[in-house]
Amino acid sequence: YESDTEKLVRQSFNTFRETQNYSAAVTSTMAALQLSRPSVT
């Protein structure tokens, strides 16, 4: 499955994940994309 939103979330999360743990990377992705935690996960 792919979509524009999925790609954006995945790319942002993977960037943060390089230096952060899973939970922190999700939080950073939330802030960067202005999305809720359930939306990101």
PDB file of all heavy atoms in Angstrom:
ATOM      1  N   TYR A   1       0.849  -1.198   0.000  1.00  0.00           N
ATOM      2  CA  TYR A   1       0.000   0.000   0.000  1.00  0.00           C
ATOM      3  C   TYR A   1       0.880   1.242   0.000  1.00  0.00           C
ATOM      4  O   TYR A   1       1.840   1.337   0.762  1.00  0.00           O
ATOM      5  CB  TYR A   1      -0.904   0.013   1.229  1.00  0.00           C
ATOM      6  CG  TYR A   1      -1.743   1.274   1.356  1.00  0.00           C
ATOM      7  CD1 TYR A   1      -3.011   1.334   0.807  1.00  0.00           C
ATOM      8  CD2 TYR A   1      -1.244   2.403   2.013  1.00  0.00           C
ATOM      9  CE1 TYR A   1      -3.779   2.495   0.908  1.00  0.00           C
ATOM     10  CE2 TYR A   1      -2.006   3.563   2.119  1.00  0.00           C
ATOM     11  CZ  TYR A   1      -3.271   3.601   1.564  1.00  0.00           C
ATOM     12  OH  TYR A   1      -4.023   4.751   1.665  1.00  0.00           O
ATOM     13  N   GLU A   2       0.544   2.210  -0.856  1.00  0.00           N
ATOM     14  CA  GLU A   2       1.244   3.488  -0.894  1.00  0.00           C
ATOM     15  C   GLU A   2       0.241   4.604  -1.137  1.00  0.00           C
ATOM     16  O   GLU A   2      -0.756   4.418  -1.827  1.00  0.00           O
ATOM     17  CB  GLU A   2       2.301   3.518  -2.009  1.00  0.00           C
ATOM     18  CG  GLU A   2       3.534   2.694  -1.732  1.00  0.00           C
ATOM     19  CD  GLU A   2       4.604   2.898  -2.783  1.00  0.00           C
ATOM     20  OE1 GLU A   2       4.309   3.537  -3.818  1.00  0.00           O
ATOM     21  OE2 GLU A   2       5.744   2.429  -2.587  1.00  0.00           O
ATOM     22  N   SER A   3       0.535   5.762  -0.548  1.00  0.00           N
ATOM     23  CA  SER A   3      -0.243   6.980  -0.814  1.00  0.00           C
ATOM     24  C   SER A   3       0.665   8.156  -0.510  1.00  0.00           C
ATOM     25  O   SER A   3       1.739   7.993   0.092  1.00  0.00           O
ATOM     26  CB  SER A   3      -1.501   7.038   0.073  1.00  0.00           C
ATOM     27  OG  SER A   3      -1.156   7.283   1.418  1.00  0.00           O
ATOM     28  N   ASP A   4       0.271   9.347  -0.918  1.00  0.00           N
ATOM     29  CA  ASP A   4       1.087  10.536  -0.657  1.00  0.00           C
ATOM     30  C   ASP A   4       1.293  10.733   0.838  1.00  0.00           C
ATOM     31  O   ASP A   4       2.405  11.048   1.295  1.00  0.00           O
ATOM     32  CB  ASP A   4       0.424  11.777  -1.264  1.00  0.00           C
ATOM     33  CG  ASP A   4       0.438  11.755  -2.792  1.00  0.00           C
ATOM     34  OD1 ASP A   4       1.263  11.002  -3.360  1.00  0.00           O
ATOM     35  OD2 ASP A   4      -0.366  12.484  -3.398  1.00  0.00           O
ATOM     36  N   THR A   5       0.222  10.545   1.617  1.00  0.00           N
ATOM     37  CA  THR A   5       0.327  10.722   3.069  1.00  0.00           C
ATOM     38  C   THR A   5       1.234   9.663   3.678  1.00  0.00           C
ATOM     39  O   THR A   5       2.078   9.962   4.529  1.00  0.00           O
ATOM     40  CB  THR A   5      -1.063  10.640   3.724  1.00  0.00           C
ATOM     41  OG1 THR A   5      -1.924  11.631   3.152  1.00  0.00           O
ATOM     42  CG2 THR A   5      -0.971  10.856   5.226  1.00  0.00           C
ATOM     43  N   GLU A   6       1.076   8.429   3.223  1.00  0.00           N
ATOM     44  CA  GLU A   6       1.907   7.328   3.743  1.00  0.00           C
ATOM     45  C   GLU A   6       3.376   7.600   3.473  1.00  0.00           C
ATOM     46  O   GLU A   6       4.236   7.412   4.350  1.00  0.00           O
ATOM     47  CB  GLU A   6       1.466   6.011   3.096  1.00  0.00           C
ATOM     48  CG  GLU A   6       2.234   4.779   3.579  1.00  0.00           C
ATOM     49  CD  GLU A   6       3.492   4.516   2.770  1.00  0.00           C
ATOM     50  OE1 GLU A   6       3.532   4.914   1.580  1.00  0.00           O
ATOM     51  OE2 GLU A   6       4.446   3.931   3.325  1.00  0.00           O
ATOM     52  N   LYS A   7       3.697   8.072   2.274  1.00  0.00           N
ATOM     53  CA  LYS A   7       5.090   8.361   1.922  1.00  0.00           C
ATOM     54  C   LYS A   7       5.651   9.495   2.777  1.00  0.00           C
ATOM     55  O   LYS A   7       6.792   9.438   3.240  1.00  0.00           O
ATOM     56  CB  LYS A   7       5.191   8.730   0.442  1.00  0.00           C
ATOM     57  CG  LYS A   7       4.966   7.566  -0.512  1.00  0.00           C
ATOM     58  CD  LYS A   7       5.061   8.030  -1.962  1.00  0.00           C
ATOM     59  CE  LYS A   7       4.809   6.874  -2.918  1.00  0.00           C
ATOM     60  NZ  LYS A   7       4.848   7.326  -4.343  1.00  0.00           N
ATOM     61  N   LEU A   8       4.845  10.539   2.987  1.00  0.00           N
ATOM     62  CA  LEU A   8       5.281  11.688   3.776  1.00  0.00           C
ATOM     63  C   LEU A   8       5.553  11.286   5.217  1.00  0.00           C
ATOM     64  O   LEU A   8       6.588  11.645   5.797  1.00  0.00           O
ATOM     65  CB  LEU A   8       4.224  12.791   3.722  1.00  0.00           C
ATOM     66  CG  LEU A   8       4.558  14.106   4.449  1.00  0.00           C
ATOM     67  CD1 LEU A   8       5.815  14.735   3.863  1.00  0.00           C
ATOM     68  CD2 LEU A   8       3.378  15.072   4.343  1.00  0.00           C
ATOM     69  N   VAL A   9       4.628  10.519   5.808  1.00  0.00           N
ATOM     70  CA  VAL A   9       4.798  10.065   7.190  1.00  0.00           C
ATOM     71  C   VAL A   9       6.017   9.152   7.301  1.00  0.00           C
ATOM     72  O   VAL A   9       6.840   9.296   8.213  1.00  0.00           O
ATOM     73  CB  VAL A   9       3.534   9.334   7.688  1.00  0.00           C
ATOM     74  CG1 VAL A   9       3.800   8.649   9.030  1.00  0.00           C
ATOM     75  CG2 VAL A   9       2.367  10.310   7.819  1.00  0.00           C
ATOM     76  N   ARG A  10       6.144   8.219   6.375  1.00  0.00           N
ATOM     77  CA  ARG A  10       7.256   7.263   6.417  1.00  0.00           C
ATOM     78  C   ARG A  10       8.602   7.972   6.287  1.00  0.00           C
ATOM     79  O   ARG A  10       9.549   7.669   7.025  1.00  0.00           O
ATOM     80  CB  ARG A  10       7.082   6.232   5.304  1.00  0.00           C
ATOM     81  CG  ARG A  10       8.273   5.282   5.122  1.00  0.00           C
ATOM     82  CD  ARG A  10       7.896   4.064   4.291  1.00  0.00           C
ATOM     83  NE  ARG A  10       7.141   4.418   3.090  1.00  0.00           N
ATOM     84  CZ  ARG A  10       7.705   4.796   1.945  1.00  0.00           C
ATOM     85  NH1 ARG A  10       9.022   4.908   1.844  1.00  0.00           N
ATOM     86  NH2 ARG A  10       6.948   5.071   0.882  1.00  0.00           N
ATOM     87  N   GLN A  11       8.693   8.904   5.335  1.00  0.00           N
ATOM     88  CA  GLN A  11       9.960   9.611   5.134  1.00  0.00           C
ATOM     89  C   GLN A  11      10.328  10.451   6.352  1.00  0.00           C
ATOM     90  O   GLN A  11      11.488  10.473   6.782  1.00  0.00           O
ATOM     91  CB  GLN A  11       9.865  10.481   3.884  1.00  0.00           C
ATOM     92  CG  GLN A  11       9.814   9.685   2.579  1.00  0.00           C
ATOM     93  CD  GLN A  11       9.484  10.548   1.369  1.00  0.00           C
ATOM     94  OE1 GLN A  11       9.237  11.742   1.491  1.00  0.00           O
ATOM     95  NE2 GLN A  11       9.466   9.931   0.185  1.00  0.00           N
ATOM     96  N   SER A  12       9.338  11.151   6.907  1.00  0.00           N
ATOM     97  CA  SER A  12       9.600  11.979   8.094  1.00  0.00           C
ATOM     98  C   SER A  12      10.005  11.105   9.281  1.00  0.00           C
ATOM     99  O   SER A  12      10.986  11.392   9.976  1.00  0.00           O
ATOM    100  CB  SER A  12       8.351  12.793   8.460  1.00  0.00           C
ATOM    101  OG  SER A  12       8.004  13.677   7.418  1.00  0.00           O
ATOM    102  N   PHE A  13       9.254  10.036   9.491  1.00  0.00           N
ATOM    103  CA  PHE A  13       9.550   9.144  10.611  1.00  0.00           C
ATOM    104  C   PHE A  13      10.941   8.528  10.468  1.00  0.00           C
ATOM    105  O   PHE A  13      11.717   8.488  11.439  1.00  0.00           O
ATOM    106  CB  PHE A  13       8.492   8.041  10.685  1.00  0.00           C
ATOM    107  CG  PHE A  13       8.798   6.981  11.701  1.00  0.00           C
ATOM    108  CD1 PHE A  13       8.522   7.186  13.047  1.00  0.00           C
ATOM    109  CD2 PHE A  13       9.377   5.774  11.323  1.00  0.00           C
ATOM    110  CE1 PHE A  13       8.823   6.220  13.999  1.00  0.00           C
ATOM    111  CE2 PHE A  13       9.675   4.798  12.256  1.00  0.00           C
ATOM    112  CZ  PHE A  13       9.400   5.025  13.604  1.00  0.00           C
ATOM    113  N   ASN A  14      11.277   8.055   9.272  1.00  0.00           N
ATOM    114  CA  ASN A  14      12.577   7.408   9.062  1.00  0.00           C
ATOM    115  C   ASN A  14      13.732   8.381   9.303  1.00  0.00           C
ATOM    116  O   ASN A  14      14.793   8.001   9.807  1.00  0.00           O
ATOM    117  CB  ASN A  14      12.670   6.842   7.645  1.00  0.00           C
ATOM    118  CG  ASN A  14      11.805   5.610   7.463  1.00  0.00           C
ATOM    119  OD1 ASN A  14      11.406   4.974   8.441  1.00  0.00           O
ATOM    120  ND2 ASN A  14      11.508   5.258   6.223  1.00  0.00           N
ATOM    121  N   THR A  15      13.513   9.659   8.956  1.00  0.00           N
ATOM    122  CA  THR A  15      14.548  10.678   9.191  1.00  0.00           C
ATOM    123  C   THR A  15      14.789  10.864  10.687  1.00  0.00           C
ATOM    124  O   THR A  15      15.934  10.874  11.156  1.00  0.00           O
ATOM    125  CB  THR A  15      14.137  12.023   8.563  1.00  0.00           C
ATOM    126  OG1 THR A  15      14.001  11.863   7.151  1.00  0.00           O
ATOM    127  CG2 THR A  15      15.191  13.092   8.857  1.00  0.00           C
ATOM    128  N   PHE A  16      13.708  10.996  11.449  1.00  0.00           N
ATOM    129  CA  PHE A  16      13.835  11.159  12.901  1.00  0.00           C
ATOM    130  C   PHE A  16      14.346   9.882  13.577  1.00  0.00           C
ATOM    131  O   PHE A  16      15.062   9.936  14.573  1.00  0.00           O
ATOM    132  CB  PHE A  16      12.489  11.565  13.517  1.00  0.00           C
ATOM    133  CG  PHE A  16      12.047  12.954  13.163  1.00  0.00           C
ATOM    134  CD1 PHE A  16      10.865  13.158  12.470  1.00  0.00           C
ATOM    135  CD2 PHE A  16      12.811  14.058  13.524  1.00  0.00           C
ATOM    136  CE1 PHE A  16      10.446  14.446  12.140  1.00  0.00           C
ATOM    137  CE2 PHE A  16      12.407  15.350  13.199  1.00  0.00           C
ATOM    138  CZ  PHE A  16      11.215  15.542  12.502  1.00  0.00           C
ATOM    139  N   ARG A  17      13.992   8.752  12.992  1.00  0.00           N
ATOM    140  CA  ARG A  17      14.355   7.461  13.597  1.00  0.00           C
ATOM    141  C   ARG A  17      15.864   7.216  13.563  1.00  0.00           C
ATOM    142  O   ARG A  17      16.387   6.428  14.352  1.00  0.00           O
ATOM    143  CB  ARG A  17      13.640   6.323  12.847  1.00  0.00           C
ATOM    144  CG  ARG A  17      13.726   4.961  13.553  1.00  0.00           C
ATOM    145  CD  ARG A  17      12.881   4.949  14.815  1.00  0.00           C
ATOM    146  NE  ARG A  17      12.880   3.635  15.433  1.00  0.00           N
ATOM    147  CZ  ARG A  17      13.781   3.212  16.332  1.00  0.00           C
ATOM    148  NH1 ARG A  17      14.766   4.033  16.704  1.00  0.00           N
ATOM    149  NH2 ARG A  17      13.720   2.010  16.849  1.00  0.00           N
ATOM    150  N   GLU A  18      16.559   7.910  12.700  1.00  0.00           N
ATOM    151  CA  GLU A  18      18.013   7.749  12.613  1.00  0.00           C
ATOM    152  C   GLU A  18      18.716   8.180  13.892  1.00  0.00           C
ATOM    153  O   GLU A  18      19.792   7.666  14.226  1.00  0.00           O
ATOM    154  CB  GLU A  18      18.557   8.553  11.427  1.00  0.00           C
ATOM    155  CG  GLU A  18      18.127   8.002  10.072  1.00  0.00           C
ATOM    156  CD  GLU A  18      18.639   8.846   8.923  1.00  0.00           C
ATOM    157  OE1 GLU A  18      19.330   9.861   9.207  1.00  0.00           O
ATOM    158  OE2 GLU A  18      18.362   8.507   7.752  1.00  0.00           O
ATOM    159  N   THR A  19      18.102   9.112  14.614  1.00  0.00           N
ATOM    160  CA  THR A  19      18.732   9.628  15.844  1.00  0.00           C
ATOM    161  C   THR A  19      17.852   9.475  17.081  1.00  0.00           C
ATOM    162  O   THR A  19      18.280   9.838  18.187  1.00  0.00           O
ATOM    163  CB  THR A  19      19.081  11.115  15.677  1.00  0.00           C
ATOM    164  OG1 THR A  19      17.897  11.853  15.343  1.00  0.00           O
ATOM    165  CG2 THR A  19      20.123  11.303  14.570  1.00  0.00           C
ATOM    166  N   GLN A  20      16.626   8.970  16.915  1.00  0.00           N
ATOM    167  CA  GLN A  20      15.703   8.867  18.045  1.00  0.00           C
ATOM    168  C   GLN A  20      15.131   7.453  18.147  1.00  0.00           C
ATOM    169  O   GLN A  20      15.131   6.702  17.173  1.00  0.00           O
ATOM    170  CB  GLN A  20      14.547   9.874  17.885  1.00  0.00           C
ATOM    171  CG  GLN A  20      14.984  11.323  17.797  1.00  0.00           C
ATOM    172  CD  GLN A  20      13.812  12.260  17.515  1.00  0.00           C
ATOM    173  OE1 GLN A  20      12.683  11.834  17.361  1.00  0.00           O
ATOM    174  NE2 GLN A  20      14.105  13.560  17.448  1.00  0.00           N
ATOM    175  N   ASN A  21      14.613   7.124  19.347  1.00  0.00           N
ATOM    176  CA  ASN A  21      13.950   5.831  19.478  1.00  0.00           C
ATOM    177  C   ASN A  21      12.566   5.904  18.837  1.00  0.00           C
ATOM    178  O   ASN A  21      12.143   6.980  18.380  1.00  0.00           O
ATOM    179  CB  ASN A  21      13.852   5.394  20.952  1.00  0.00           C
ATOM    180  CG  ASN A  21      13.035   6.368  21.806  1.00  0.00           C
ATOM    181  OD1 ASN A  21      12.087   7.002  21.329  1.00  0.00           O
ATOM    182  ND2 ASN A  21      13.398   6.492  23.071  1.00  0.00           N
ATOM    183  N   TYR A  22      11.861   4.789  18.798  1.00  0.00           N
ATOM    184  CA  TYR A  22      10.587   4.719  18.067  1.00  0.00           C
ATOM    185  C   TYR A  22       9.590   5.765  18.577  1.00  0.00           C
ATOM    186  O   TYR A  22       9.012   6.525  17.791  1.00  0.00           O
ATOM    187  CB  TYR A  22       9.990   3.319  18.189  1.00  0.00           C
ATOM    188  CG  TYR A  22       8.721   3.116  17.396  1.00  0.00           C
ATOM    189  CD1 TYR A  22       8.759   2.630  16.100  1.00  0.00           C
ATOM    190  CD2 TYR A  22       7.472   3.417  17.946  1.00  0.00           C
ATOM    191  CE1 TYR A  22       7.599   2.445  15.356  1.00  0.00           C
ATOM    192  CE2 TYR A  22       6.303   3.254  17.218  1.00  0.00           C
ATOM    193  CZ  TYR A  22       6.369   2.760  15.923  1.00  0.00           C
ATOM    194  OH  TYR A  22       5.214   2.598  15.201  1.00  0.00           O
ATOM    195  N   SER A  23       9.368   5.800  19.879  1.00  0.00           N
ATOM    196  CA  SER A  23       8.370   6.707  20.449  1.00  0.00           C
ATOM    197  C   SER A  23       8.712   8.165  20.187  1.00  0.00           C
ATOM    198  O   SER A  23       7.840   8.970  19.826  1.00  0.00           O
ATOM    199  CB  SER A  23       8.248   6.458  21.956  1.00  0.00           C
ATOM    200  OG  SER A  23       7.281   7.322  22.529  1.00  0.00           O
ATOM    201  N   ALA A  24       9.985   8.512  20.366  1.00  0.00           N
ATOM    202  CA  ALA A  24      10.408   9.899  20.147  1.00  0.00           C
ATOM    203  C   ALA A  24      10.276  10.287  18.676  1.00  0.00           C
ATOM    204  O   ALA A  24       9.885  11.418  18.346  1.00  0.00           O
ATOM    205  CB  ALA A  24      11.852  10.090  20.612  1.00  0.00           C
ATOM    206  N   ALA A  25      10.575   9.345  17.780  1.00  0.00           N
ATOM    207  CA  ALA A  25      10.464   9.617  16.345  1.00  0.00           C
ATOM    208  C   ALA A  25       9.013   9.846  15.953  1.00  0.00           C
ATOM    209  O   ALA A  25       8.705  10.688  15.098  1.00  0.00           O
ATOM    210  CB  ALA A  25      11.057   8.457  15.545  1.00  0.00           C
ATOM    211  N   VAL A  26       8.096   9.120  16.575  1.00  0.00           N
ATOM    212  CA  VAL A  26       6.669   9.331  16.323  1.00  0.00           C
ATOM    213  C   VAL A  26       6.259  10.720  16.789  1.00  0.00           C
ATOM    214  O   VAL A  26       5.555  11.454  16.086  1.00  0.00           O
ATOM    215  CB  VAL A  26       5.813   8.256  17.040  1.00  0.00           C
ATOM    216  CG1 VAL A  26       4.331   8.631  16.984  1.00  0.00           C
ATOM    217  CG2 VAL A  26       6.022   6.892  16.403  1.00  0.00           C
ATOM    218  N   THR A  27       6.723  11.099  17.991  1.00  0.00           N
ATOM    219  CA  THR A  27       6.393  12.420  18.537  1.00  0.00           C
ATOM    220  C   THR A  27       6.924  13.532  17.638  1.00  0.00           C
ATOM    221  O   THR A  27       6.231  14.529  17.371  1.00  0.00           O
ATOM    222  CB  THR A  27       6.983  12.577  19.950  1.00  0.00           C
ATOM    223  OG1 THR A  27       6.442  11.555  20.803  1.00  0.00           O
ATOM    224  CG2 THR A  27       6.647  13.942  20.532  1.00  0.00           C
ATOM    225  N   SER A  28       8.146  13.368  17.159  1.00  0.00           N
ATOM    226  CA  SER A  28       8.740  14.373  16.280  1.00  0.00           C
ATOM    227  C   SER A  28       7.981  14.461  14.957  1.00  0.00           C
ATOM    228  O   SER A  28       7.784  15.560  14.418  1.00  0.00           O
ATOM    229  CB  SER A  28      10.208  14.035  16.010  1.00  0.00           C
ATOM    230  OG  SER A  28      10.969  14.096  17.194  1.00  0.00           O
ATOM    231  N   THR A  29       7.548  13.314  14.444  1.00  0.00           N
ATOM    232  CA  THR A  29       6.773  13.294  13.197  1.00  0.00           C
ATOM    233  C   THR A  29       5.425  13.986  13.393  1.00  0.00           C
ATOM    234  O   THR A  29       4.955  14.723  12.515  1.00  0.00           O
ATOM    235  CB  THR A  29       6.554  11.842  12.728  1.00  0.00           C
ATOM    236  OG1 THR A  29       7.823  11.192  12.579  1.00  0.00           O
ATOM    237  CG2 THR A  29       5.813  11.802  11.398  1.00  0.00           C
ATOM    238  N   MET A  30       4.825  13.782  14.560  1.00  0.00           N
ATOM    239  CA  MET A  30       3.561  14.449  14.886  1.00  0.00           C
ATOM    240  C   MET A  30       3.722  15.963  14.814  1.00  0.00           C
ATOM    241  O   MET A  30       2.901  16.667  14.218  1.00  0.00           O
ATOM    242  CB  MET A  30       3.104  14.051  16.296  1.00  0.00           C
ATOM    243  CG  MET A  30       2.660  12.620  16.464  1.00  0.00           C
ATOM    244  SD  MET A  30       2.556  12.137  18.222  1.00  0.00           S
ATOM    245  CE  MET A  30       1.507  13.437  18.897  1.00  0.00           C
ATOM    246  N   ALA A  31       4.786  16.454  15.438  1.00  0.00           N
ATOM    247  CA  ALA A  31       5.021  17.896  15.479  1.00  0.00           C
ATOM    248  C   ALA A  31       5.336  18.452  14.098  1.00  0.00           C
ATOM    249  O   ALA A  31       4.849  19.521  13.716  1.00  0.00           O
ATOM    250  CB  ALA A  31       6.167  18.197  16.448  1.00  0.00           C
ATOM    251  N   ALA A  32       6.124  17.718  13.332  1.00  0.00           N
ATOM    252  CA  ALA A  32       6.537  18.192  12.010  1.00  0.00           C
ATOM    253  C   ALA A  32       5.387  18.249  11.028  1.00  0.00           C
ATOM    254  O   ALA A  32       5.296  19.177  10.207  1.00  0.00           O
ATOM    255  CB  ALA A  32       7.650  17.301  11.466  1.00  0.00           C
ATOM    256  N   LEU A  33       4.481  17.295  11.120  1.00  0.00           N
ATOM    257  CA  LEU A  33       3.380  17.198  10.146  1.00  0.00           C
ATOM    258  C   LEU A  33       2.041  17.660  10.710  1.00  0.00           C
ATOM    259  O   LEU A  33       1.030  17.641   9.999  1.00  0.00           O
ATOM    260  CB  LEU A  33       3.255  15.756   9.645  1.00  0.00           C
ATOM    261  CG  LEU A  33       4.501  15.149   8.991  1.00  0.00           C
ATOM    262  CD1 LEU A  33       4.210  13.717   8.524  1.00  0.00           C
ATOM    263  CD2 LEU A  33       4.959  16.002   7.816  1.00  0.00           C
ATOM    264  N   GLN A  34       2.038  18.047  11.988  1.00  0.00           N
ATOM    265  CA  GLN A  34       0.803  18.496  12.638  1.00  0.00           C
ATOM    266  C   GLN A  34      -0.276  17.408  12.572  1.00  0.00           C
ATOM    267  O   GLN A  34      -1.422  17.656  12.179  1.00  0.00           O
ATOM    268  CB  GLN A  34       0.297  19.804  12.007  1.00  0.00           C
ATOM    269  CG  GLN A  34       1.221  20.994  12.224  1.00  0.00           C
ATOM    270  CD  GLN A  34       1.351  21.371  13.687  1.00  0.00           C
ATOM    271  OE1 GLN A  34       0.381  21.761  14.341  1.00  0.00           O
ATOM    272  NE2 GLN A  34       2.566  21.232  14.227  1.00  0.00           N
ATOM    273  N   LEU A  35       0.118  16.214  12.974  1.00  0.00           N
ATOM    274  CA  LEU A  35      -0.799  15.078  12.987  1.00  0.00           C
ATOM    275  C   LEU A  35      -0.876  14.501  14.401  1.00  0.00           C
ATOM    276  O   LEU A  35       0.046  14.680  15.201  1.00  0.00           O
ATOM    277  CB  LEU A  35      -0.328  13.982  12.027  1.00  0.00           C
ATOM    278  CG  LEU A  35      -0.332  14.301  10.535  1.00  0.00           C
ATOM    279  CD1 LEU A  35       0.336  13.171   9.759  1.00  0.00           C
ATOM    280  CD2 LEU A  35      -1.764  14.520  10.034  1.00  0.00           C
ATOM    281  N   SER A  36      -1.961  13.821  14.701  1.00  0.00           N
ATOM    282  CA  SER A  36      -2.096  13.172  15.997  1.00  0.00           C
ATOM    283  C   SER A  36      -1.255  11.896  16.025  1.00  0.00           C
ATOM    284  O   SER A  36      -0.856  11.378  14.977  1.00  0.00           O
ATOM    285  CB  SER A  36      -3.562  12.823  16.266  1.00  0.00           C
ATOM    286  OG  SER A  36      -4.001  11.827  15.348  1.00  0.00           O
ATOM    287  N   ARG A  37      -1.003  11.381  17.217  1.00  0.00           N
ATOM    288  CA  ARG A  37      -0.224  10.138  17.330  1.00  0.00           C
ATOM    289  C   ARG A  37      -0.913   8.975  16.617  1.00  0.00           C
ATOM    290  O   ARG A  37      -0.253   8.236  15.876  1.00  0.00           O
ATOM    291  CB  ARG A  37       0.023   9.804  18.806  1.00  0.00           C
ATOM    292  CG  ARG A  37       0.849   8.520  19.026  1.00  0.00           C
ATOM    293  CD  ARG A  37       1.234   8.358  20.480  1.00  0.00           C
ATOM    294  NE  ARG A  37       2.188   9.366  20.900  1.00  0.00           N
ATOM    295  CZ  ARG A  37       3.499   9.247  20.797  1.00  0.00           C
ATOM    296  NH1 ARG A  37       4.022   8.153  20.274  1.00  0.00           N
ATOM    297  NH2 ARG A  37       4.298  10.210  21.200  1.00  0.00           N
ATOM    298  N   PRO A  38      -2.239   8.786  16.815  1.00  0.00           N
ATOM    299  CA  PRO A  38      -2.897   7.689  16.096  1.00  0.00           C
ATOM    300  C   PRO A  38      -2.773   7.825  14.577  1.00  0.00           C
ATOM    301  O   PRO A  38      -2.637   6.820  13.870  1.00  0.00           O
ATOM    302  CB  PRO A  38      -4.357   7.791  16.553  1.00  0.00           C
ATOM    303  CG  PRO A  38      -4.280   8.424  17.906  1.00  0.00           C
ATOM    304  CD  PRO A  38      -3.165   9.424  17.778  1.00  0.00           C
ATOM    305  N   SER A  39      -2.831   9.075  14.077  1.00  0.00           N
ATOM    306  CA  SER A  39      -2.723   9.288  12.629  1.00  0.00           C
ATOM    307  C   SER A  39      -1.345   8.880  12.124  1.00  0.00           C
ATOM    308  O   SER A  39      -1.215   8.224  11.090  1.00  0.00           O
ATOM    309  CB  SER A  39      -2.991  10.752  12.270  1.00  0.00           C
ATOM    310  OG  SER A  39      -4.327  11.105  12.542  1.00  0.00           O
ATOM    311  N   VAL A  40      -0.310   9.260  12.874  1.00  0.00           N
ATOM    312  CA  VAL A  40       1.059   8.917  12.463  1.00  0.00           C
ATOM    313  C   VAL A  40       1.264   7.407  12.490  1.00  0.00           C
ATOM    314  O   VAL A  40       1.735   6.808  11.519  1.00  0.00           O
ATOM    315  CB  VAL A  40       2.102   9.611  13.373  1.00  0.00           C
ATOM    316  CG1 VAL A  40       3.506   9.058  13.095  1.00  0.00           C
ATOM    317  CG2 VAL A  40       2.075  11.111  13.149  1.00  0.00           C
ATOM    318  N   THR A  41       0.919   6.788  13.608  1.00  0.00           N
ATOM    319  CA  THR A  41       1.163   5.340  13.738  1.00  0.00           C
ATOM    320  C   THR A  41       0.332   4.516  12.759  1.00  0.00           C
ATOM    321  O   THR A  41       0.732   3.425  12.369  1.00  0.00           O
ATOM    322  CB  THR A  41       0.885   4.858  15.172  1.00  0.00           C
ATOM    323  OG1 THR A  41      -0.473   5.193  15.535  1.00  0.00           O
ATOM    324  CG2 THR A  41       1.845   5.507  16.152  1.00  0.00           C
TER     325      THR A  41
END
